[in-house]
Protein backbone atom coordinates (compact mmCIF):
# COMPACT_ATOMS: atom_id res chain seq x y z
CA UNK A 1 24.64 29.13 -1.34
CA UNK A 2 21.99 26.73 -1.35
CA UNK A 3 19.26 27.58 -4.26
CA UNK A 4 15.53 28.66 -2.66
CA UNK A 5 12.72 26.42 -1.96
CA UNK A 6 11.55 24.56 -5.06
CA UNK A 7 7.97 23.33 -4.56
CA UNK A 8 7.59 20.00 -5.29
CA UNK A 9 4.48 17.20 -4.52
CA UNK A 10 3.29 19.35 -2.06
CA UNK A 11 6.20 19.79 0.09
CA UNK A 12 9.16 22.28 0.05
CA UNK A 13 12.36 21.17 -0.45
CA UNK A 14 15.76 23.57 -0.85
CA UNK A 15 16.92 23.55 -4.60
CA UNK A 16 20.09 21.38 -4.24
CA UNK A 17 21.24 19.38 -7.80
CA UNK A 18 22.22 16.05 -7.29
CA UNK A 19 26.16 16.73 -7.40
CA UNK A 20 26.13 19.81 -5.71
CA UNK A 21 28.63 20.77 -2.71
CA UNK A 22 28.71 23.10 -0.09
CA UNK A 23 32.34 23.86 2.24
CA UNK A 24 32.31 25.05 5.34
CA UNK A 25 34.16 28.64 5.45
CA UNK A 26 36.38 27.30 8.76
CA UNK A 27 36.79 23.36 9.21
CA UNK A 28 36.89 22.95 5.16
CA UNK A 29 34.69 20.07 5.94
CA UNK A 30 32.99 19.82 2.24
CA UNK A 31 29.08 17.89 1.43
CA UNK A 32 28.77 16.34 -2.15
CA UNK A 33 24.84 15.53 -2.35
CA UNK A 34 24.31 12.60 -3.96
CA UNK A 35 21.02 12.31 -3.55
CA UNK A 36 18.40 15.30 -2.35
CA UNK A 37 15.06 15.41 -0.99
CA UNK A 38 13.90 16.52 -4.21
CA UNK A 39 15.18 13.36 -5.89
CA UNK A 40 13.91 11.06 -3.60
CA UNK A 41 10.42 13.22 -2.87
CA UNK A 42 11.46 13.48 1.09
CA UNK A 43 12.38 9.97 1.56
CA UNK A 44 16.20 10.34 1.83
CA UNK A 45 18.65 12.68 1.39
CA UNK A 46 22.36 10.82 0.65
CA UNK A 47 25.42 12.94 1.50
CA UNK A 48 29.60 12.58 1.41
CA UNK A 49 31.29 14.39 3.85
CA UNK A 50 35.10 14.95 3.21
CA UNK A 51 36.85 16.08 5.98
CA UNK A 52 40.51 17.01 6.24
CA UNK A 53 43.16 15.81 8.93
CA UNK A 54 41.72 16.60 12.78
CA UNK A 55 38.18 18.42 10.90
CA UNK A 56 35.35 18.28 13.66
CA UNK A 57 31.35 17.60 11.58
CA UNK A 58 28.99 19.24 13.65
CA UNK A 59 29.08 19.61 17.52
CA UNK A 60 26.69 17.42 19.40
CA UNK A 61 23.49 17.34 18.21
CA UNK A 62 20.74 15.11 17.44
CA UNK A 63 17.52 14.78 14.84
CA UNK A 64 14.72 13.80 16.10
CA UNK A 65 12.85 11.92 13.63
CA UNK A 66 15.58 11.24 10.88
CA UNK A 67 17.71 7.86 11.72
CA UNK A 68 21.09 8.31 9.85
CA UNK A 69 23.28 5.35 8.04
CA UNK A 70 26.98 5.68 7.77
CA UNK A 71 29.58 4.00 5.86
CA UNK A 72 33.32 5.46 6.38
CA UNK A 73 35.06 5.01 2.42
CA UNK A 74 37.95 6.35 3.59
CA UNK A 75 40.38 7.74 6.76
CA UNK A 76 39.94 7.08 10.34
CA UNK A 77 37.21 8.72 11.66
CA UNK A 78 35.38 9.52 15.85
CA UNK A 79 32.06 9.27 16.56
CA UNK A 80 30.44 9.99 19.70
CA UNK A 81 26.94 8.13 19.79
CA UNK A 82 24.94 9.01 23.16
CA UNK A 83 27.84 8.38 25.83
CA UNK A 84 29.48 6.17 23.46
CA UNK A 85 33.14 6.96 21.70
CA UNK A 86 33.26 4.90 18.58
CA UNK A 87 36.05 4.35 15.76
CA UNK A 88 35.44 3.58 12.16
CA UNK A 89 37.92 2.79 9.69
CA UNK A 90 37.56 2.24 5.71
CA UNK A 91 34.40 -0.31 5.23
CA UNK A 92 32.92 0.09 8.64
CA UNK A 93 29.18 1.08 9.18
CA UNK A 94 27.47 3.08 12.18
CA UNK A 95 23.44 3.03 12.49
CA UNK A 96 22.86 6.29 14.11
CA UNK A 97 19.03 6.04 15.40
CA UNK A 98 16.38 9.08 15.53
CA UNK A 99 16.71 11.50 18.50
CA UNK A 100 20.44 9.88 19.95
CA UNK A 101 22.97 12.37 20.10
CA UNK A 102 25.95 12.47 17.99
CA UNK A 103 28.75 14.02 17.18
CA UNK A 104 32.03 13.14 14.57
CA UNK A 105 35.41 14.30 13.81
CA UNK A 106 38.58 12.47 11.50
CA UNK A 107 41.04 10.73 14.09
CA UNK A 108 43.39 10.44 11.51
CA UNK A 109 46.39 12.42 10.15
CA UNK A 110 44.88 11.39 6.58
CA UNK A 111 41.58 13.01 4.71
CA UNK A 112 38.75 10.87 5.80
CA UNK A 113 35.23 10.17 3.49
CA UNK A 114 32.13 8.59 4.35
CA UNK A 115 29.00 8.05 2.96
CA UNK A 116 25.74 9.10 4.89
CA UNK A 117 22.23 8.54 4.42
CA UNK A 118 19.78 10.58 6.14
CA UNK A 119 15.90 9.34 6.60
CA UNK A 120 13.61 10.78 6.01
CA UNK A 121 15.02 13.75 4.24
CA UNK A 122 12.80 16.53 6.65
CA UNK A 123 15.01 19.79 6.99
CA UNK A 124 18.42 18.00 6.46
CA UNK A 125 19.57 19.69 4.07
CA UNK A 126 18.32 23.53 5.29
CA UNK A 127 20.15 22.13 8.51
CA UNK A 128 23.67 22.18 6.48
CA UNK A 129 23.07 25.18 5.26
CA UNK A 130 22.55 27.24 7.96
CA UNK A 131 25.14 25.29 9.34
CA UNK A 132 27.97 25.75 6.38
CA UNK A 133 26.66 29.52 6.05
CA UNK A 134 26.71 30.70 9.96
CA UNK A 135 29.46 32.87 10.78
């Protein structure tokens, strides 16, 4: 469970430490926080997402005011971006503009890993906590 909000520079941030992780109890997707809203003054959150074979991330959703920059480090991922399906492998990058519906899943037989930078941070950490702790 992530910690209670911390007031930092006049803004509330969840107190998440760099290196802290959270795992979804059903999908087993694991998120590791490389940079947090608190560590960047709200400019960004950087995560690494670990997905086992067949694992699905969040269902279709959008971030109205945040851009996501994704780089696949390992494995094969499929993204649905707007109405398009995109397959990515290790080394591939994808930018998801603010306000564009997207979802993702591990389309391969091996574990997958991607790094995502979310700008600005806004409430991204709280979104992850809500999704990963909902039953």
